[in-house]
Amino acid sequence: MAAPPARLTVLGGLAAVAFLVHGGNHVRRGSPYDLLWMCNVAPLLLAAGCFLARPGLAAVAALWLAFGTPMWALDVATGSGVILTTFLPHVLCPIVAALAVRELGLPRLAWLKATAAMLALVALTRAVTPPGPNVNLAHRVWAGWEATFPRYDQYFALMLAGSALTFFAVDRALAAWLRPPRRAAAGDMAGRASTP
């Protein structure tokens, strides 16, 4: 397998550093289960996608971050504490992910793959993490929302639908961003047609 282009190596390196620094901070703080939050797994997928030139991994990471980062921002805005290193996966990595998708391309039905991968991650999280931290909302309704959602199954169904819809919208936005402008594409075709 050929080595990835230098740009992908740099992007993969940034994502790997984000995972190692923020993940290491969680381990140091005595909360290794926090490594399984979707936004903390995404940099690892992103690094692998860049180093292995796998568009699917980079796309899933980009879509996960597009959903998880606003959720994190809302959590911070409503009074949650901030860990300084959390800016690496939530601010740096969405930019890195967008650049990686531009470099690698967007696979077909990336939004569906991101949804399936998220469901698998939630199942894993539910199986291996303690209920207290409620990683990936795998155990119960997020604190403060119990009055609105007295049943966890309804809450989870809404979160699943919201994430899938977000993945789909971002997938379409990325596809539009990556599509060459019609004029440029038409000019290229005309140039090729006139070449002897």
C-alpha atoms as a PDB file:
ATOM      1  CA  MET A   1       0.000   0.000   0.000  1.00  0.00           C
ATOM      2  CA  ALA A   2       1.369   3.420  -1.001  1.00  0.00           C
ATOM      3  CA  ALA A   3       2.173   5.986   1.686  1.00  0.00           C
ATOM      4  CA  PRO A   4      -0.505   8.667   2.115  1.00  0.00           C
ATOM      5  CA  PRO A   5       0.216  12.121   0.681  1.00  0.00           C
ATOM      6  CA  ALA A   6       2.031  14.511   3.017  1.00  0.00           C
ATOM      7  CA  ARG A   7      -1.166  16.532   3.657  1.00  0.00           C
ATOM      8  CA  LEU A   8      -2.967  13.424   4.897  1.00  0.00           C
ATOM      9  CA  THR A   9      -0.025  12.507   7.114  1.00  0.00           C
ATOM     10  CA  VAL A  10      -0.131  15.957   8.716  1.00  0.00           C
ATOM     11  CA  LEU A  11      -3.910  15.790   9.193  1.00  0.00           C
ATOM     12  CA  GLY A  12      -3.651  12.283  10.627  1.00  0.00           C
ATOM     13  CA  GLY A  13      -0.899  13.442  12.964  1.00  0.00           C
ATOM     14  CA  LEU A  14      -3.040  16.318  14.258  1.00  0.00           C
ATOM     15  CA  ALA A  15      -5.976  13.987  14.879  1.00  0.00           C
ATOM     16  CA  ALA A  16      -3.732  11.441  16.624  1.00  0.00           C
ATOM     17  CA  VAL A  17      -2.230  14.129  18.870  1.00  0.00           C
ATOM     18  CA  ALA A  18      -5.744  15.366  19.724  1.00  0.00           C
ATOM     19  CA  PHE A  19      -6.777  11.835  20.715  1.00  0.00           C
ATOM     20  CA  LEU A  20      -3.629  11.121  22.722  1.00  0.00           C
ATOM     21  CA  VAL A  21      -3.553  14.432  24.599  1.00  0.00           C
ATOM     22  CA  HIS A  22      -7.266  14.572  25.424  1.00  0.00           C
ATOM     23  CA  GLY A  23      -7.513  10.829  26.021  1.00  0.00           C
ATOM     24  CA  GLY A  24      -4.417  10.895  28.208  1.00  0.00           C
ATOM     25  CA  ASN A  25      -6.013  13.671  30.229  1.00  0.00           C
ATOM     26  CA  HIS A  26      -9.109  11.504  30.822  1.00  0.00           C
ATOM     27  CA  VAL A  27      -6.930   8.604  31.967  1.00  0.00           C
ATOM     28  CA  ARG A  28      -4.923  10.932  34.241  1.00  0.00           C
ATOM     29  CA  ARG A  29      -8.175  12.237  35.759  1.00  0.00           C
ATOM     30  CA  GLY A  30      -9.328   8.673  36.516  1.00  0.00           C
ATOM     31  CA  SER A  31     -12.119   8.567  33.911  1.00  0.00           C
ATOM     32  CA  PRO A  32     -10.861   6.269  31.120  1.00  0.00           C
ATOM     33  CA  TYR A  33     -14.492   5.437  30.213  1.00  0.00           C
ATOM     34  CA  ASP A  34     -14.746   8.988  28.818  1.00  0.00           C
ATOM     35  CA  LEU A  35     -12.505   7.846  25.955  1.00  0.00           C
ATOM     36  CA  LEU A  36     -15.613   6.186  24.472  1.00  0.00           C
ATOM     37  CA  TRP A  37     -17.578   9.410  23.988  1.00  0.00           C
ATOM     38  CA  MET A  38     -18.331   9.678  20.251  1.00  0.00           C
ATOM     39  CA  CYS A  39     -16.348  12.916  19.945  1.00  0.00           C
ATOM     40  CA  ASN A  40     -13.361  11.273  21.618  1.00  0.00           C
ATOM     41  CA  VAL A  41     -13.448   8.201  19.358  1.00  0.00           C
ATOM     42  CA  ALA A  42     -13.814  10.393  16.240  1.00  0.00           C
ATOM     43  CA  PRO A  43     -10.189  11.696  16.289  1.00  0.00           C
ATOM     44  CA  LEU A  44      -8.960   8.094  16.431  1.00  0.00           C
ATOM     45  CA  LEU A  45     -11.100   7.168  13.399  1.00  0.00           C
ATOM     46  CA  LEU A  46      -9.949  10.346  11.674  1.00  0.00           C
ATOM     47  CA  ALA A  47      -6.270   9.585  12.274  1.00  0.00           C
ATOM     48  CA  ALA A  48      -6.721   6.030  10.956  1.00  0.00           C
ATOM     49  CA  GLY A  49      -8.635   7.331   7.925  1.00  0.00           C
ATOM     50  CA  CYS A  50      -5.837   9.762   7.088  1.00  0.00           C
ATOM     51  CA  PHE A  51      -2.924   7.375   7.682  1.00  0.00           C
ATOM     52  CA  LEU A  52      -4.603   4.503   5.798  1.00  0.00           C
ATOM     53  CA  ALA A  53      -6.237   6.750   3.136  1.00  0.00           C
ATOM     54  CA  ARG A  54      -9.686   5.350   4.027  1.00  0.00           C
ATOM     55  CA  PRO A  55     -12.392   7.879   3.101  1.00  0.00           C
ATOM     56  CA  GLY A  56     -15.077   6.002   5.051  1.00  0.00           C
ATOM     57  CA  LEU A  57     -13.300   6.394   8.382  1.00  0.00           C
ATOM     58  CA  ALA A  58     -12.638  10.092   7.831  1.00  0.00           C
ATOM     59  CA  ALA A  59     -16.250  10.678   6.759  1.00  0.00           C
ATOM     60  CA  VAL A  60     -17.711   8.915   9.807  1.00  0.00           C
ATOM     61  CA  ALA A  61     -15.432  10.986  12.049  1.00  0.00           C
ATOM     62  CA  ALA A  62     -16.486  14.209  10.309  1.00  0.00           C
ATOM     63  CA  LEU A  63     -20.187  13.388  10.636  1.00  0.00           C
ATOM     64  CA  TRP A  64     -19.878  12.332  14.276  1.00  0.00           C
ATOM     65  CA  LEU A  65     -18.106  15.594  15.098  1.00  0.00           C
ATOM     66  CA  ALA A  66     -20.736  17.616  13.209  1.00  0.00           C
ATOM     67  CA  PHE A  67     -23.359  16.202  15.588  1.00  0.00           C
ATOM     68  CA  GLY A  68     -21.340  15.894  18.775  1.00  0.00           C
ATOM     69  CA  THR A  69     -19.606  19.273  18.772  1.00  0.00           C
ATOM     70  CA  PRO A  70     -22.829  21.351  18.921  1.00  0.00           C
ATOM     71  CA  MET A  71     -24.095  19.001  21.666  1.00  0.00           C
ATOM     72  CA  TRP A  72     -20.863  19.622  23.586  1.00  0.00           C
ATOM     73  CA  ALA A  73     -21.188  23.393  23.036  1.00  0.00           C
ATOM     74  CA  LEU A  74     -24.782  23.284  24.345  1.00  0.00           C
ATOM     75  CA  ASP A  75     -23.610  21.330  27.391  1.00  0.00           C
ATOM     76  CA  VAL A  76     -20.890  23.910  28.071  1.00  0.00           C
ATOM     77  CA  ALA A  77     -23.329  26.804  27.535  1.00  0.00           C
ATOM     78  CA  THR A  78     -25.729  25.325  30.088  1.00  0.00           C
ATOM     79  CA  GLY A  79     -23.150  25.170  32.858  1.00  0.00           C
ATOM     80  CA  SER A  80     -21.085  22.030  32.358  1.00  0.00           C
ATOM     81  CA  GLY A  81     -17.467  22.308  33.328  1.00  0.00           C
ATOM     82  CA  VAL A  82     -14.795  22.563  30.638  1.00  0.00           C
ATOM     83  CA  ILE A  83     -11.675  20.433  30.435  1.00  0.00           C
ATOM     84  CA  LEU A  84      -9.044  22.468  28.615  1.00  0.00           C
ATOM     85  CA  THR A  85      -7.977  19.605  26.329  1.00  0.00           C
ATOM     86  CA  THR A  86     -11.576  19.105  25.123  1.00  0.00           C
ATOM     87  CA  PHE A  87     -11.001  21.866  22.569  1.00  0.00           C
ATOM     88  CA  LEU A  88      -8.779  19.455  20.638  1.00  0.00           C
ATOM     89  CA  PRO A  89     -11.543  17.017  19.588  1.00  0.00           C
ATOM     90  CA  HIS A  90     -14.320  19.632  19.502  1.00  0.00           C
ATOM     91  CA  VAL A  91     -12.612  22.570  17.758  1.00  0.00           C
ATOM     92  CA  LEU A  92      -9.442  21.317  16.053  1.00  0.00           C
ATOM     93  CA  CYS A  93     -10.733  17.955  14.837  1.00  0.00           C
ATOM     94  CA  PRO A  94     -13.852  19.193  12.982  1.00  0.00           C
ATOM     95  CA  ILE A  95     -11.545  21.404  10.887  1.00  0.00           C
ATOM     96  CA  VAL A  96      -9.103  18.530  10.348  1.00  0.00           C
ATOM     97  CA  ALA A  97     -12.013  16.235   9.436  1.00  0.00           C
ATOM     98  CA  ALA A  98     -13.373  18.648   6.816  1.00  0.00           C
ATOM     99  CA  LEU A  99      -9.914  18.944   5.244  1.00  0.00           C
ATOM    100  CA  ALA A 100      -9.466  15.165   5.302  1.00  0.00           C
ATOM    101  CA  VAL A 101     -12.817  14.607   3.581  1.00  0.00           C
ATOM    102  CA  ARG A 102     -11.848  17.195   0.963  1.00  0.00           C
ATOM    103  CA  GLU A 103      -8.600  15.310   0.404  1.00  0.00           C
ATOM    104  CA  LEU A 104     -10.029  11.767   0.434  1.00  0.00           C
ATOM    105  CA  GLY A 105     -13.520  12.329  -0.956  1.00  0.00           C
ATOM    106  CA  LEU A 106     -16.897  11.431   0.488  1.00  0.00           C
ATOM    107  CA  PRO A 107     -18.043   7.816   0.166  1.00  0.00           C
ATOM    108  CA  ARG A 108     -21.603   7.048  -0.870  1.00  0.00           C
ATOM    109  CA  LEU A 109     -24.128   6.796   1.998  1.00  0.00           C
ATOM    110  CA  ALA A 110     -21.586   8.056   4.541  1.00  0.00           C
ATOM    111  CA  TRP A 111     -24.464   9.294   6.722  1.00  0.00           C
ATOM    112  CA  LEU A 112     -25.904   5.787   6.957  1.00  0.00           C
ATOM    113  CA  LYS A 113     -22.503   4.330   7.860  1.00  0.00           C
ATOM    114  CA  ALA A 114     -22.080   7.016  10.538  1.00  0.00           C
ATOM    115  CA  THR A 115     -25.500   6.135  11.980  1.00  0.00           C
ATOM    116  CA  ALA A 116     -24.745   2.397  12.064  1.00  0.00           C
ATOM    117  CA  ALA A 117     -21.317   3.009  13.592  1.00  0.00           C
ATOM    118  CA  MET A 118     -22.860   5.267  16.232  1.00  0.00           C
ATOM    119  CA  LEU A 119     -25.378   2.572  17.187  1.00  0.00           C
ATOM    120  CA  ALA A 120     -22.531   0.069  17.533  1.00  0.00           C
ATOM    121  CA  LEU A 121     -20.580   2.525  19.704  1.00  0.00           C
ATOM    122  CA  VAL A 122     -23.610   3.173  21.944  1.00  0.00           C
ATOM    123  CA  ALA A 123     -24.108  -0.600  22.375  1.00  0.00           C
ATOM    124  CA  LEU A 124     -20.432  -1.025  23.277  1.00  0.00           C
ATOM    125  CA  THR A 125     -20.599   1.932  25.658  1.00  0.00           C
ATOM    126  CA  ARG A 126     -23.675   0.526  27.386  1.00  0.00           C
ATOM    127  CA  ALA A 127     -21.912  -2.818  27.835  1.00  0.00           C
ATOM    128  CA  VAL A 128     -18.558  -1.596  29.164  1.00  0.00           C
ATOM    129  CA  THR A 129     -19.026   1.775  30.906  1.00  0.00           C
ATOM    130  CA  PRO A 130     -20.521   2.538  34.318  1.00  0.00           C
ATOM    131  CA  PRO A 131     -24.043   4.037  34.277  1.00  0.00           C
ATOM    132  CA  GLY A 132     -23.050   7.106  36.330  1.00  0.00           C
ATOM    133  CA  PRO A 133     -21.222   9.127  33.651  1.00  0.00           C
ATOM    134  CA  ASN A 134     -23.872   8.181  31.026  1.00  0.00           C
ATOM    135  CA  VAL A 135     -21.309   8.101  28.209  1.00  0.00           C
ATOM    136  CA  ASN A 136     -22.960   8.562  24.788  1.00  0.00           C
ATOM    137  CA  LEU A 137     -26.323   8.769  26.615  1.00  0.00           C
ATOM    138  CA  ALA A 138     -26.224   4.971  26.612  1.00  0.00           C
ATOM    139  CA  HIS A 139     -27.819   4.447  30.018  1.00  0.00           C
ATOM    140  CA  ARG A 140     -30.495   7.094  30.650  1.00  0.00           C
ATOM    141  CA  VAL A 141     -31.910  10.493  29.749  1.00  0.00           C
ATOM    142  CA  TRP A 142     -29.333  13.267  30.094  1.00  0.00           C
ATOM    143  CA  ALA A 143     -29.565  15.051  33.457  1.00  0.00           C
ATOM    144  CA  GLY A 144     -32.068  17.893  33.382  1.00  0.00           C
ATOM    145  CA  TRP A 145     -34.198  16.441  30.567  1.00  0.00           C
ATOM    146  CA  GLU A 146     -36.072  13.861  32.632  1.00  0.00           C
ATOM    147  CA  ALA A 147     -39.259  15.953  32.897  1.00  0.00           C
ATOM    148  CA  THR A 148     -39.423  16.349  29.119  1.00  0.00           C
ATOM    149  CA  PHE A 149     -38.550  12.717  28.428  1.00  0.00           C
ATOM    150  CA  PRO A 150     -39.798  10.472  31.244  1.00  0.00           C
ATOM    151  CA  ARG A 151     -39.013   7.373  29.148  1.00  0.00           C
ATOM    152  CA  TYR A 152     -35.487   6.586  28.002  1.00  0.00           C
ATOM    153  CA  ASP A 153     -36.634   4.724  24.868  1.00  0.00           C
ATOM    154  CA  GLN A 154     -38.425   7.833  23.566  1.00  0.00           C
ATOM    155  CA  TYR A 155     -35.431  10.011  24.372  1.00  0.00           C
ATOM    156  CA  PHE A 156     -33.010   7.642  22.658  1.00  0.00           C
ATOM    157  CA  ALA A 157     -35.264   7.373  19.587  1.00  0.00           C
ATOM    158  CA  LEU A 158     -35.290  11.175  19.313  1.00  0.00           C
ATOM    159  CA  MET A 159     -31.502  11.371  19.719  1.00  0.00           C
ATOM    160  CA  LEU A 160     -31.024   8.652  17.111  1.00  0.00           C
ATOM    161  CA  ALA A 161     -33.350  10.399  14.651  1.00  0.00           C
ATOM    162  CA  GLY A 162     -31.682  13.755  15.331  1.00  0.00           C
ATOM    163  CA  SER A 163     -28.208  12.350  14.803  1.00  0.00           C
ATOM    164  CA  ALA A 164     -29.196  10.505  11.603  1.00  0.00           C
ATOM    165  CA  LEU A 165     -30.831  13.673  10.244  1.00  0.00           C
ATOM    166  CA  THR A 166     -27.737  15.698  11.119  1.00  0.00           C
ATOM    167  CA  PHE A 167     -25.484  13.113   9.491  1.00  0.00           C
ATOM    168  CA  PHE A 168     -27.634  13.209   6.338  1.00  0.00           C
ATOM    169  CA  ALA A 169     -27.679  17.036   6.175  1.00  0.00           C
ATOM    170  CA  VAL A 170     -23.920  17.316   6.700  1.00  0.00           C
ATOM    171  CA  ASP A 171     -23.304  14.498   4.199  1.00  0.00           C
ATOM    172  CA  ARG A 172     -25.282  16.451   1.574  1.00  0.00           C
ATOM    173  CA  ALA A 173     -23.525  19.723   2.479  1.00  0.00           C
ATOM    174  CA  LEU A 174     -20.107  18.074   2.156  1.00  0.00           C
ATOM    175  CA  ALA A 175     -21.098  16.517  -1.175  1.00  0.00           C
ATOM    176  CA  ALA A 176     -22.152  19.944  -2.470  1.00  0.00           C
ATOM    177  CA  TRP A 177     -18.911  21.503  -1.191  1.00  0.00           C
ATOM    178  CA  LEU A 178     -16.817  18.843  -2.897  1.00  0.00           C
ATOM    179  CA  ARG A 179     -18.700  19.027  -6.212  1.00  0.00           C
ATOM    180  CA  PRO A 180     -16.818  21.167  -8.766  1.00  0.00           C
ATOM    181  CA  PRO A 181     -18.633  24.352  -9.813  1.00  0.00           C
ATOM    182  CA  ARG A 182     -20.684  23.846 -12.992  1.00  0.00           C
ATOM    183  CA  ARG A 183     -18.920  26.607 -14.902  1.00  0.00           C
ATOM    184  CA  ALA A 184     -15.478  25.219 -14.103  1.00  0.00           C
ATOM    185  CA  ALA A 185     -16.605  21.702 -14.983  1.00  0.00           C
ATOM    186  CA  ALA A 186     -18.159  22.925 -18.249  1.00  0.00           C
ATOM    187  CA  GLY A 187     -14.977  24.887 -19.072  1.00  0.00           C
ATOM    188  CA  ASP A 188     -12.826  21.819 -18.471  1.00  0.00           C
ATOM    189  CA  MET A 189     -15.088  19.746 -20.764  1.00  0.00           C
ATOM    190  CA  ALA A 190     -14.945  22.388 -23.501  1.00  0.00           C
ATOM    191  CA  GLY A 191     -11.160  22.605 -23.182  1.00  0.00           C
ATOM    192  CA  ARG A 192     -10.820  18.852 -23.451  1.00  0.00           C
ATOM    193  CA  ALA A 193     -13.154  18.733 -26.467  1.00  0.00           C
ATOM    194  CA  SER A 194     -11.087  21.318 -28.353  1.00  0.00           C
ATOM    195  CA  THR A 195      -7.758  19.589 -27.620  1.00  0.00           C
ATOM    196  CA  PRO A 196      -6.505  17.670 -30.687  1.00  0.00           C
END
